């Protein structure tokens, strides 16, 4: 039924958001025009949307959405992202997986997950 998935993240600073997702996280910038950028992650497309003008106010953050990235080697992924300036918080080690959280420049929560 579904062919693929995407998520759109509202951003106040497009340049900062593109730099974070493309350079810091190392994801592929597929398209960018100043108001919208499309970032490719394995199995997911991330849209970054910056609205201008009166309707450009960002919605209030509810904290109800996060974006997760599955990794094979948690320590290596954390170390790589730390060298790029990412600060991690809220590490959880569970029976099925290890999860560690971090934030994008807009304060959205992202996480790495390594299944056991």
PDB file of N, CA and C in Angstrom:
ATOM      1  N   UNK A   1       0.820  -1.188   0.000  1.00  0.00           N
ATOM      2  CA  UNK A   1       0.000   0.000   0.000  1.00  0.00           C
ATOM      3  C   UNK A   1       0.869   1.259   0.000  1.00  0.00           C
ATOM      4  N   UNK A   2       1.784   1.395   0.959  1.00  0.00           N
ATOM      5  CA  UNK A   2       2.637   2.578   1.023  1.00  0.00           C
ATOM      6  C   UNK A   2       3.922   2.328   0.252  1.00  0.00           C
ATOM      7  N   UNK A   3       4.375   3.337  -0.453  1.00  0.00           N
ATOM      8  CA  UNK A   3       5.596   3.221  -1.245  1.00  0.00           C
ATOM      9  C   UNK A   3       6.820   3.693  -0.461  1.00  0.00           C
ATOM     10  N   UNK A   4       6.680   4.767   0.307  1.00  0.00           N
ATOM     11  CA  UNK A   4       7.781   5.298   1.101  1.00  0.00           C
ATOM     12  C   UNK A   4       7.201   6.189   2.184  1.00  0.00           C
ATOM     13  N   UNK A   5       8.070   6.783   2.984  1.00  0.00           N
ATOM     14  CA  UNK A   5       7.608   7.664   4.042  1.00  0.00           C
ATOM     15  C   UNK A   5       8.404   8.951   4.065  1.00  0.00           C
ATOM     16  N   UNK A   6       7.777   9.992   4.592  1.00  0.00           N
ATOM     17  CA  UNK A   6       8.497  11.246   4.776  1.00  0.00           C
ATOM     18  C   UNK A   6       7.961  11.959   5.996  1.00  0.00           C
ATOM     19  N   UNK A   7       8.761  12.869   6.478  1.00  0.00           N
ATOM     20  CA  UNK A   7       8.376  13.717   7.600  1.00  0.00           C
ATOM     21  C   UNK A   7       8.800  15.131   7.229  1.00  0.00           C
ATOM     22  N   UNK A   8       7.978  16.118   7.585  1.00  0.00           N
ATOM     23  CA  UNK A   8       8.327  17.509   7.322  1.00  0.00           C
ATOM     24  C   UNK A   8       8.550  18.206   8.653  1.00  0.00           C
ATOM     25  N   UNK A   9       9.683  18.882   8.753  1.00  0.00           N
ATOM     26  CA  UNK A   9      10.064  19.588   9.967  1.00  0.00           C
ATOM     27  C   UNK A   9      10.016  21.082   9.677  1.00  0.00           C
ATOM     28  N   UNK A  10       9.233  21.823  10.451  1.00  0.00           N
ATOM     29  CA  UNK A  10       9.161  23.269  10.308  1.00  0.00           C
ATOM     30  C   UNK A  10      10.409  23.874  10.934  1.00  0.00           C
ATOM     31  N   UNK A  11      11.076  24.784  10.211  1.00  0.00           N
ATOM     32  CA  UNK A  11      12.314  25.369  10.712  1.00  0.00           C
ATOM     33  C   UNK A  11      12.267  26.887  10.620  1.00  0.00           C
ATOM     34  N   UNK A  12      12.923  27.551  11.547  1.00  0.00           N
ATOM     35  CA  UNK A  12      13.014  29.011  11.535  1.00  0.00           C
ATOM     36  C   UNK A  12      14.233  29.468  10.748  1.00  0.00           C
ATOM     37  N   UNK A  13      15.307  28.676  10.749  1.00  0.00           N
ATOM     38  CA  UNK A  13      16.554  29.039  10.076  1.00  0.00           C
ATOM     39  C   UNK A  13      16.923  27.927   9.102  1.00  0.00           C
ATOM     40  N   UNK A  14      16.572  28.122   7.824  1.00  0.00           N
ATOM     41  CA  UNK A  14      16.775  27.089   6.815  1.00  0.00           C
ATOM     42  C   UNK A  14      18.253  26.738   6.637  1.00  0.00           C
ATOM     43  N   UNK A  15      19.121  27.737   6.559  1.00  0.00           N
ATOM     44  CA  UNK A  15      20.554  27.457   6.357  1.00  0.00           C
ATOM     45  C   UNK A  15      21.108  26.603   7.488  1.00  0.00           C
ATOM     46  N   UNK A  16      20.749  26.944   8.705  1.00  0.00           N
ATOM     47  CA  UNK A  16      21.224  26.199   9.872  1.00  0.00           C
ATOM     48  C   UNK A  16      20.677  24.772   9.860  1.00  0.00           C
ATOM     49  N   UNK A  17      19.407  24.613   9.495  1.00  0.00           N
ATOM     50  CA  UNK A  17      18.783  23.290   9.457  1.00  0.00           C
ATOM     51  C   UNK A  17      19.406  22.421   8.369  1.00  0.00           C
ATOM     52  N   UNK A  18      19.604  22.969   7.170  1.00  0.00           N
ATOM     53  CA  UNK A  18      20.215  22.212   6.078  1.00  0.00           C
ATOM     54  C   UNK A  18      21.630  21.798   6.461  1.00  0.00           C
ATOM     55  N   UNK A  19      22.386  22.720   7.035  1.00  0.00           N
ATOM     56  CA  UNK A  19      23.757  22.400   7.454  1.00  0.00           C
ATOM     57  C   UNK A  19      23.750  21.247   8.460  1.00  0.00           C
ATOM     58  N   UNK A  20      22.836  21.280   9.428  1.00  0.00           N
ATOM     59  CA  UNK A  20      22.768  20.232  10.437  1.00  0.00           C
ATOM     60  C   UNK A  20      22.431  18.882   9.821  1.00  0.00           C
ATOM     61  N   UNK A  21      21.353  18.819   9.047  1.00  0.00           N
ATOM     62  CA  UNK A  21      20.913  17.531   8.504  1.00  0.00           C
ATOM     63  C   UNK A  21      21.860  17.003   7.425  1.00  0.00           C
ATOM     64  N   UNK A  22      22.381  17.871   6.570  1.00  0.00           N
ATOM     65  CA  UNK A  22      23.245  17.415   5.479  1.00  0.00           C
ATOM     66  C   UNK A  22      24.701  17.258   5.917  1.00  0.00           C
ATOM     67  N   UNK A  23      25.255  18.261   6.582  1.00  0.00           N
ATOM     68  CA  UNK A  23      26.660  18.200   6.946  1.00  0.00           C
ATOM     69  C   UNK A  23      26.904  17.484   8.274  1.00  0.00           C
ATOM     70  N   UNK A  24      26.215  17.915   9.319  1.00  0.00           N
ATOM     71  CA  UNK A  24      26.449  17.333  10.631  1.00  0.00           C
ATOM     72  C   UNK A  24      26.032  15.868  10.679  1.00  0.00           C
ATOM     73  N   UNK A  25      24.818  15.571  10.216  1.00  0.00           N
ATOM     74  CA  UNK A  25      24.352  14.183  10.227  1.00  0.00           C
ATOM     75  C   UNK A  25      24.853  13.387   9.029  1.00  0.00           C
ATOM     76  N   UNK A  26      25.303  14.057   7.983  1.00  0.00           N
ATOM     77  CA  UNK A  26      25.829  13.372   6.806  1.00  0.00           C
ATOM     78  C   UNK A  26      24.775  12.797   5.885  1.00  0.00           C
ATOM     79  N   UNK A  27      23.560  13.361   5.928  1.00  0.00           N
ATOM     80  CA  UNK A  27      22.489  12.898   5.049  1.00  0.00           C
ATOM     81  C   UNK A  27      22.572  13.643   3.714  1.00  0.00           C
ATOM     82  N   UNK A  28      21.880  13.133   2.703  1.00  0.00           N
ATOM     83  CA  UNK A  28      21.978  13.697   1.353  1.00  0.00           C
ATOM     84  C   UNK A  28      20.958  14.801   1.121  1.00  0.00           C
ATOM     85  N   UNK A  29      21.451  15.994   0.776  1.00  0.00           N
ATOM     86  CA  UNK A  29      20.579  17.092   0.366  1.00  0.00           C
ATOM     87  C   UNK A  29      20.192  16.837  -1.085  1.00  0.00           C
ATOM     88  N   UNK A  30      18.914  16.579  -1.327  1.00  0.00           N
ATOM     89  CA  UNK A  30      18.439  16.297  -2.677  1.00  0.00           C
ATOM     90  C   UNK A  30      17.943  17.543  -3.394  1.00  0.00           C
ATOM     91  N   UNK A  31      17.415  18.497  -2.628  1.00  0.00           N
ATOM     92  CA  UNK A  31      16.827  19.691  -3.216  1.00  0.00           C
ATOM     93  C   UNK A  31      16.740  20.756  -2.136  1.00  0.00           C
ATOM     94  N   UNK A  32      16.969  21.988  -2.523  1.00  0.00           N
ATOM     95  CA  UNK A  32      16.807  23.096  -1.590  1.00  0.00           C
ATOM     96  C   UNK A  32      16.587  24.388  -2.358  1.00  0.00           C
ATOM     97  N   UNK A  33      15.582  25.192  -1.947  1.00  0.00           N
ATOM     98  CA  UNK A  33      15.304  26.434  -2.664  1.00  0.00           C
ATOM     99  C   UNK A  33      15.144  27.644  -1.747  1.00  0.00           C
ATOM    100  N   UNK A  34      15.539  27.534  -0.502  1.00  0.00           N
ATOM    101  CA  UNK A  34      15.393  28.648   0.436  1.00  0.00           C
ATOM    102  C   UNK A  34      14.190  28.530   1.348  1.00  0.00           C
ATOM    103  N   UNK A  35      13.091  27.941   0.854  1.00  0.00           N
ATOM    104  CA  UNK A  35      11.898  27.755   1.679  1.00  0.00           C
ATOM    105  C   UNK A  35      11.618  26.288   1.955  1.00  0.00           C
ATOM    106  N   UNK A  36      12.192  25.410   1.126  1.00  0.00           N
ATOM    107  CA  UNK A  36      11.996  23.977   1.309  1.00  0.00           C
ATOM    108  C   UNK A  36      13.263  23.249   0.907  1.00  0.00           C
ATOM    109  N   UNK A  37      13.627  22.255   1.693  1.00  0.00           N
ATOM    110  CA  UNK A  37      14.763  21.391   1.358  1.00  0.00           C
ATOM    111  C   UNK A  37      14.324  19.956   1.559  1.00  0.00           C
ATOM    112  N   UNK A  38      14.832  19.093   0.707  1.00  0.00           N
ATOM    113  CA  UNK A  38      14.536  17.667   0.814  1.00  0.00           C
ATOM    114  C   UNK A  38      15.827  16.938   1.127  1.00  0.00           C
ATOM    115  N   UNK A  39      15.792  16.198   2.234  1.00  0.00           N
ATOM    116  CA  UNK A  39      16.954  15.464   2.729  1.00  0.00           C
ATOM    117  C   UNK A  39      16.640  13.975   2.661  1.00  0.00           C
ATOM    118  N   UNK A  40      17.566  13.191   2.111  1.00  0.00           N
ATOM    119  CA  UNK A  40      17.368  11.741   2.013  1.00  0.00           C
ATOM    120  C   UNK A  40      18.108  11.043   3.141  1.00  0.00           C
ATOM    121  N   UNK A  41      17.363  10.226   3.867  1.00  0.00           N
ATOM    122  CA  UNK A  41      17.916   9.339   4.886  1.00  0.00           C
ATOM    123  C   UNK A  41      17.519   7.927   4.468  1.00  0.00           C
ATOM    124  N   UNK A  42      18.270   6.913   4.867  1.00  0.00           N
ATOM    125  CA  UNK A  42      17.885   5.549   4.477  1.00  0.00           C
ATOM    126  C   UNK A  42      16.444   5.233   4.893  1.00  0.00           C
ATOM    127  N   UNK A  43      15.590   4.968   3.903  1.00  0.00           N
ATOM    128  CA  UNK A  43      14.205   4.603   4.172  1.00  0.00           C
ATOM    129  C   UNK A  43      13.277   5.744   4.530  1.00  0.00           C
ATOM    130  N   UNK A  44      13.767   6.995   4.473  1.00  0.00           N
ATOM    131  CA  UNK A  44      12.951   8.129   4.893  1.00  0.00           C
ATOM    132  C   UNK A  44      13.381   9.393   4.163  1.00  0.00           C
ATOM    133  N   UNK A  45      12.421  10.208   3.781  1.00  0.00           N
ATOM    134  CA  UNK A  45      12.710  11.534   3.241  1.00  0.00           C
ATOM    135  C   UNK A  45      12.307  12.554   4.300  1.00  0.00           C
ATOM    136  N   UNK A  46      13.216  13.500   4.567  1.00  0.00           N
ATOM    137  CA  UNK A  46      12.946  14.551   5.543  1.00  0.00           C
ATOM    138  C   UNK A  46      12.800  15.859   4.778  1.00  0.00           C
ATOM    139  N   UNK A  47      11.648  16.491   4.925  1.00  0.00           N
ATOM    140  CA  UNK A  47      11.433  17.805   4.340  1.00  0.00           C
ATOM    141  C   UNK A  47      11.670  18.862   5.399  1.00  0.00           C
ATOM    142  N   UNK A  48      12.421  19.890   5.037  1.00  0.00           N
ATOM    143  CA  UNK A  48      12.629  21.031   5.922  1.00  0.00           C
ATOM    144  C   UNK A  48      11.853  22.186   5.307  1.00  0.00           C
ATOM    145  N   UNK A  49      10.939  22.773   6.070  1.00  0.00           N
ATOM    146  CA  UNK A  49      10.059  23.810   5.540  1.00  0.00           C
ATOM    147  C   UNK A  49      10.198  25.081   6.358  1.00  0.00           C
ATOM    148  N   UNK A  50      10.501  26.166   5.656  1.00  0.00           N
ATOM    149  CA  UNK A  50      10.579  27.486   6.277  1.00  0.00           C
ATOM    150  C   UNK A  50       9.496  28.344   5.644  1.00  0.00           C
ATOM    151  N   UNK A  51       8.510  28.729   6.436  1.00  0.00           N
ATOM    152  CA  UNK A  51       7.415  29.561   5.944  1.00  0.00           C
ATOM    153  C   UNK A  51       7.758  31.023   6.172  1.00  0.00           C
ATOM    154  N   UNK A  52       7.546  31.860   5.168  1.00  0.00           N
ATOM    155  CA  UNK A  52       7.850  33.285   5.278  1.00  0.00           C
ATOM    156  C   UNK A  52       6.559  34.086   5.420  1.00  0.00           C
ATOM    157  N   UNK A  53       6.690  35.299   5.927  1.00  0.00           N
ATOM    158  CA  UNK A  53       5.541  36.198   6.024  1.00  0.00           C
ATOM    159  C   UNK A  53       4.697  35.935   7.258  1.00  0.00           C
ATOM    160  N   UNK A  54       3.479  36.457   7.250  1.00  0.00           N
ATOM    161  CA  UNK A  54       2.591  36.335   8.398  1.00  0.00           C
ATOM    162  C   UNK A  54       2.299  34.882   8.753  1.00  0.00           C
ATOM    163  N   UNK A  55       2.209  34.052   7.740  1.00  0.00           N
ATOM    164  CA  UNK A  55       1.905  32.655   8.000  1.00  0.00           C
ATOM    165  C   UNK A  55       3.162  31.863   8.322  1.00  0.00           C
ATOM    166  N   UNK A  56       4.286  32.557   8.475  1.00  0.00           N
ATOM    167  CA  UNK A  56       5.554  31.888   8.724  1.00  0.00           C
ATOM    168  C   UNK A  56       5.820  31.573  10.177  1.00  0.00           C
ATOM    169  N   UNK A  57       4.906  31.913  11.064  1.00  0.00           N
ATOM    170  CA  UNK A  57       5.113  31.596  12.472  1.00  0.00           C
ATOM    171  C   UNK A  57       5.167  30.080  12.645  1.00  0.00           C
ATOM    172  N   UNK A  58       6.124  29.633  13.413  1.00  0.00           N
ATOM    173  CA  UNK A  58       6.255  28.205  13.649  1.00  0.00           C
ATOM    174  C   UNK A  58       5.185  27.729  14.610  1.00  0.00           C
ATOM    175  N   UNK A  59       4.667  26.542  14.397  1.00  0.00           N
ATOM    176  CA  UNK A  59       3.691  26.015  15.350  1.00  0.00           C
ATOM    177  C   UNK A  59       4.378  25.782  16.690  1.00  0.00           C
ATOM    178  N   UNK A  60       3.599  25.854  17.750  1.00  0.00           N
ATOM    179  CA  UNK A  60       4.184  25.588  19.054  1.00  0.00           C
ATOM    180  C   UNK A  60       4.645  24.149  19.111  1.00  0.00           C
ATOM    181  N   UNK A  61       5.791  23.962  19.725  1.00  0.00           N
ATOM    182  CA  UNK A  61       6.348  22.615  19.804  1.00  0.00           C
ATOM    183  C   UNK A  61       5.603  21.818  20.875  1.00  0.00           C
ATOM    184  N   UNK A  62       5.149  20.642  20.484  1.00  0.00           N
ATOM    185  CA  UNK A  62       4.436  19.802  21.428  1.00  0.00           C
ATOM    186  C   UNK A  62       5.325  18.714  21.997  1.00  0.00           C
ATOM    187  N   UNK A  63       6.462  18.466  21.338  1.00  0.00           N
ATOM    188  CA  UNK A  63       7.332  17.391  21.785  1.00  0.00           C
ATOM    189  C   UNK A  63       6.778  16.018  21.453  1.00  0.00           C
ATOM    190  N   UNK A  64       5.809  15.967  20.540  1.00  0.00           N
ATOM    191  CA  UNK A  64       5.167  14.692  20.246  1.00  0.00           C
ATOM    192  C   UNK A  64       5.772  13.974  19.045  1.00  0.00           C
ATOM    193  N   UNK A  65       6.779  14.570  18.400  1.00  0.00           N
ATOM    194  CA  UNK A  65       7.391  13.939  17.244  1.00  0.00           C
ATOM    195  C   UNK A  65       8.899  13.832  17.432  1.00  0.00           C
ATOM    196  N   UNK A  66       9.434  12.693  17.079  1.00  0.00           N
ATOM    197  CA  UNK A  66      10.879  12.517  17.046  1.00  0.00           C
ATOM    198  C   UNK A  66      11.232  11.780  15.762  1.00  0.00           C
ATOM    199  N   UNK A  67      12.480  11.911  15.340  1.00  0.00           N
ATOM    200  CA  UNK A  67      12.971  11.181  14.179  1.00  0.00           C
ATOM    201  C   UNK A  67      14.083  10.276  14.662  1.00  0.00           C
ATOM    202  N   UNK A  68      13.982   8.992  14.349  1.00  0.00           N
ATOM    203  CA  UNK A  68      14.987   8.024  14.764  1.00  0.00           C
ATOM    204  C   UNK A  68      15.792   7.511  13.583  1.00  0.00           C
ATOM    205  N   UNK A  69      17.071   7.261  13.849  1.00  0.00           N
ATOM    206  CA  UNK A  69      17.978   6.708  12.851  1.00  0.00           C
ATOM    207  C   UNK A  69      18.584   5.433  13.420  1.00  0.00           C
ATOM    208  N   UNK A  70      18.352   4.310  12.740  1.00  0.00           N
ATOM    209  CA  UNK A  70      18.916   3.042  13.195  1.00  0.00           C
ATOM    210  C   UNK A  70      20.374   2.955  12.765  1.00  0.00           C
ATOM    211  N   UNK A  71      21.233   2.534  13.693  1.00  0.00           N
ATOM    212  CA  UNK A  71      22.663   2.378  13.415  1.00  0.00           C
ATOM    213  C   UNK A  71      23.102   0.974  13.788  1.00  0.00           C
ATOM    214  N   UNK A  72      24.171   0.511  13.153  1.00  0.00           N
ATOM    215  CA  UNK A  72      24.717  -0.803  13.483  1.00  0.00           C
ATOM    216  C   UNK A  72      25.689  -0.727  14.649  1.00  0.00           C
ATOM    217  N   UNK A  73      26.464   0.352  14.728  1.00  0.00           N
ATOM    218  CA  UNK A  73      27.494   0.515  15.762  1.00  0.00           C
ATOM    219  C   UNK A  73      27.238   1.832  16.495  1.00  0.00           C
ATOM    220  N   UNK A  74      26.588   1.745  17.648  1.00  0.00           N
ATOM    221  CA  UNK A  74      26.196   2.933  18.406  1.00  0.00           C
ATOM    222  C   UNK A  74      27.405   3.782  18.800  1.00  0.00           C
ATOM    223  N   UNK A  75      28.449   3.154  19.337  1.00  0.00           N
ATOM    224  CA  UNK A  75      29.615   3.916  19.794  1.00  0.00           C
ATOM    225  C   UNK A  75      30.262   4.700  18.664  1.00  0.00           C
ATOM    226  N   UNK A  76      30.400   4.064  17.516  1.00  0.00           N
ATOM    227  CA  UNK A  76      31.005   4.722  16.359  1.00  0.00           C
ATOM    228  C   UNK A  76      30.144   5.883  15.878  1.00  0.00           C
ATOM    229  N   UNK A  77      28.831   5.682  15.814  1.00  0.00           N
ATOM    230  CA  UNK A  77      27.916   6.738  15.369  1.00  0.00           C
ATOM    231  C   UNK A  77      27.951   7.924  16.326  1.00  0.00           C
ATOM    232  N   UNK A  78      27.933   7.646  17.619  1.00  0.00           N
ATOM    233  CA  UNK A  78      27.989   8.714  18.622  1.00  0.00           C
ATOM    234  C   UNK A  78      29.293   9.487  18.497  1.00  0.00           C
ATOM    235  N   UNK A  79      30.389   8.788  18.381  1.00  0.00           N
ATOM    236  CA  UNK A  79      31.699   9.444  18.288  1.00  0.00           C
ATOM    237  C   UNK A  79      31.783  10.318  17.042  1.00  0.00           C
ATOM    238  N   UNK A  80      31.307   9.813  15.912  1.00  0.00           N
ATOM    239  CA  UNK A  80      31.317  10.595  14.673  1.00  0.00           C
ATOM    240  C   UNK A  80      30.502  11.868  14.823  1.00  0.00           C
ATOM    241  N   UNK A  81      29.298  11.744  15.361  1.00  0.00           N
ATOM    242  CA  UNK A  81      28.438  12.916  15.501  1.00  0.00           C
ATOM    243  C   UNK A  81      28.951  13.886  16.557  1.00  0.00           C
ATOM    244  N   UNK A  82      29.578  13.387  17.610  1.00  0.00           N
ATOM    245  CA  UNK A  82      30.172  14.279  18.618  1.00  0.00           C
ATOM    246  C   UNK A  82      31.262  15.149  17.998  1.00  0.00           C
ATOM    247  N   UNK A  83      32.066  14.568  17.094  1.00  0.00           N
ATOM    248  CA  UNK A  83      33.123  15.353  16.441  1.00  0.00           C
ATOM    249  C   UNK A  83      32.534  16.432  15.544  1.00  0.00           C
ATOM    250  N   UNK A  84      31.253  16.290  15.189  1.00  0.00           N
ATOM    251  CA  UNK A  84      30.563  17.277  14.358  1.00  0.00           C
ATOM    252  C   UNK A  84      29.726  18.238  15.194  1.00  0.00           C
ATOM    253  N   UNK A  85      29.859  18.156  16.511  1.00  0.00           N
ATOM    254  CA  UNK A  85      29.196  19.112  17.392  1.00  0.00           C
ATOM    255  C   UNK A  85      27.880  18.684  17.997  1.00  0.00           C
ATOM    256  N   UNK A  86      27.444  17.451  17.769  1.00  0.00           N
ATOM    257  CA  UNK A  86      26.181  16.974  18.329  1.00  0.00           C
ATOM    258  C   UNK A  86      26.365  16.663  19.810  1.00  0.00           C
ATOM    259  N   UNK A  87      25.421  17.110  20.618  1.00  0.00           N
ATOM    260  CA  UNK A  87      25.429  16.821  22.050  1.00  0.00           C
ATOM    261  C   UNK A  87      24.294  15.856  22.352  1.00  0.00           C
ATOM    262  N   UNK A  88      24.631  14.758  23.015  1.00  0.00           N
ATOM    263  CA  UNK A  88      23.652  13.711  23.309  1.00  0.00           C
ATOM    264  C   UNK A  88      23.132  13.819  24.729  1.00  0.00           C
ATOM    265  N   UNK A  89      21.929  13.283  24.946  1.00  0.00           N
ATOM    266  CA  UNK A  89      21.309  13.247  26.270  1.00  0.00           C
ATOM    267  C   UNK A  89      20.361  12.064  26.337  1.00  0.00           C
ATOM    268  N   UNK A  90      19.912  11.703  27.480  1.00  0.00           N
ATOM    269  CA  UNK A  90      18.882  10.679  27.687  1.00  0.00           C
ATOM    270  C   UNK A  90      19.176   9.337  27.025  1.00  0.00           C
ATOM    271  N   UNK A  91      20.289   8.753  27.381  1.00  0.00           N
ATOM    272  CA  UNK A  91      20.628   7.426  26.872  1.00  0.00           C
ATOM    273  C   UNK A  91      19.831   6.363  27.621  1.00  0.00           C
ATOM    274  N   UNK A  92      19.261   5.406  26.859  1.00  0.00           N
ATOM    275  CA  UNK A  92      18.468   4.336  27.453  1.00  0.00           C
ATOM    276  C   UNK A  92      18.983   3.002  26.921  1.00  0.00           C
ATOM    277  N   UNK A  93      19.353   2.119  27.837  1.00  0.00           N
ATOM    278  CA  UNK A  93      19.780   0.782  27.440  1.00  0.00           C
ATOM    279  C   UNK A  93      18.687  -0.201  27.818  1.00  0.00           C
ATOM    280  N   UNK A  94      18.083  -0.796  26.810  1.00  0.00           N
ATOM    281  CA  UNK A  94      17.008  -1.747  27.045  1.00  0.00           C
ATOM    282  C   UNK A  94      17.392  -3.146  26.619  1.00  0.00           C
ATOM    283  N   UNK A  95      16.507  -4.084  26.861  1.00  0.00           N
ATOM    284  CA  UNK A  95      16.763  -5.471  26.472  1.00  0.00           C
ATOM    285  C   UNK A  95      16.807  -5.635  24.962  1.00  0.00           C
ATOM    286  N   UNK A  96      15.947  -4.903  24.255  1.00  0.00           N
ATOM    287  CA  UNK A  96      15.847  -5.052  22.805  1.00  0.00           C
ATOM    288  C   UNK A  96      16.716  -4.070  22.028  1.00  0.00           C
ATOM    289  N   UNK A  97      17.011  -2.914  22.636  1.00  0.00           N
ATOM    290  CA  UNK A  97      17.748  -1.885  21.902  1.00  0.00           C
ATOM    291  C   UNK A  97      18.365  -0.865  22.850  1.00  0.00           C
ATOM    292  N   UNK A  98      19.378  -0.171  22.338  1.00  0.00           N
ATOM    293  CA  UNK A  98      19.954   0.988  23.012  1.00  0.00           C
ATOM    294  C   UNK A  98      19.526   2.219  22.225  1.00  0.00           C
ATOM    295  N   UNK A  99      19.141   3.271  22.955  1.00  0.00           N
ATOM    296  CA  UNK A  99      18.664   4.497  22.322  1.00  0.00           C
ATOM    297  C   UNK A  99      19.378   5.675  22.974  1.00  0.00           C
ATOM    298  N   UNK A 100      19.804   6.630  22.159  1.00  0.00           N
ATOM    299  CA  UNK A 100      20.397   7.854  22.682  1.00  0.00           C
ATOM    300  C   UNK A 100      19.794   9.030  21.915  1.00  0.00           C
ATOM    301  N   UNK A 101      19.394  10.081  22.652  1.00  0.00           N
ATOM    302  CA  UNK A 101      18.695  11.229  22.085  1.00  0.00           C
ATOM    303  C   UNK A 101      19.618  12.430  21.907  1.00  0.00           C
ATOM    304  N   UNK A 102      19.261  13.265  20.938  1.00  0.00           N
ATOM    305  CA  UNK A 102      19.932  14.542  20.702  1.00  0.00           C
ATOM    306  C   UNK A 102      18.924  15.467  20.035  1.00  0.00           C
ATOM    307  N   UNK A 103      19.297  16.729  19.819  1.00  0.00           N
ATOM    308  CA  UNK A 103      18.367  17.694  19.244  1.00  0.00           C
ATOM    309  C   UNK A 103      18.930  18.326  17.986  1.00  0.00           C
ATOM    310  N   UNK A 104      18.021  18.724  17.081  1.00  0.00           N
ATOM    311  CA  UNK A 104      18.439  19.499  15.921  1.00  0.00           C
ATOM    312  C   UNK A 104      18.475  20.973  16.332  1.00  0.00           C
ATOM    313  N   UNK A 105      18.904  21.877  15.448  1.00  0.00           N
ATOM    314  CA  UNK A 105      19.004  23.292  15.818  1.00  0.00           C
ATOM    315  C   UNK A 105      17.680  23.933  16.231  1.00  0.00           C
ATOM    316  N   UNK A 106      16.544  23.357  15.837  1.00  0.00           N
ATOM    317  CA  UNK A 106      15.233  23.896  16.198  1.00  0.00           C
ATOM    318  C   UNK A 106      14.739  23.340  17.537  1.00  0.00           C
ATOM    319  N   UNK A 107      15.487  22.410  18.142  1.00  0.00           N
ATOM    320  CA  UNK A 107      15.079  21.814  19.405  1.00  0.00           C
ATOM    321  C   UNK A 107      14.266  20.543  19.248  1.00  0.00           C
ATOM    322  N   UNK A 108      14.076  20.068  18.006  1.00  0.00           N
ATOM    323  CA  UNK A 108      13.363  18.813  17.781  1.00  0.00           C
ATOM    324  C   UNK A 108      14.222  17.657  18.268  1.00  0.00           C
ATOM    325  N   UNK A 109      13.599  16.701  18.923  1.00  0.00           N
ATOM    326  CA  UNK A 109      14.327  15.535  19.429  1.00  0.00           C
ATOM    327  C   UNK A 109      14.535  14.512  18.325  1.00  0.00           C
ATOM    328  N   UNK A 110      15.773  14.062  18.194  1.00  0.00           N
ATOM    329  CA  UNK A 110      16.145  12.991  17.284  1.00  0.00           C
ATOM    330  C   UNK A 110      16.795  11.917  18.120  1.00  0.00           C
ATOM    331  N   UNK A 111      16.901  10.717  17.568  1.00  0.00           N
ATOM    332  CA  UNK A 111      17.585   9.672  18.327  1.00  0.00           C
ATOM    333  C   UNK A 111      18.267   8.660  17.420  1.00  0.00           C
ATOM    334  N   UNK A 112      19.271   8.024  17.986  1.00  0.00           N
ATOM    335  CA  UNK A 112      19.928   6.877  17.360  1.00  0.00           C
ATOM    336  C   UNK A 112      19.424   5.651  18.097  1.00  0.00           C
ATOM    337  N   UNK A 113      19.192   4.563  17.362  1.00  0.00           N
ATOM    338  CA  UNK A 113      18.787   3.313  17.993  1.00  0.00           C
ATOM    339  C   UNK A 113      19.643   2.191  17.421  1.00  0.00           C
ATOM    340  N   UNK A 114      20.097   1.344  18.296  1.00  0.00           N
ATOM    341  CA  UNK A 114      20.875   0.171  17.911  1.00  0.00           C
ATOM    342  C   UNK A 114      20.168  -1.049  18.499  1.00  0.00           C
ATOM    343  N   UNK A 115      19.565  -1.840  17.614  1.00  0.00           N
ATOM    344  CA  UNK A 115      18.851  -3.035  18.068  1.00  0.00           C
ATOM    345  C   UNK A 115      19.851  -4.121  18.441  1.00  0.00           C
ATOM    346  N   UNK A 116      19.467  -4.904  19.436  1.00  0.00           N
ATOM    347  CA  UNK A 116      20.357  -5.995  19.874  1.00  0.00           C
ATOM    348  C   UNK A 116      20.068  -7.252  19.109  1.00  0.00           C
TER     349      UNK A 116
END
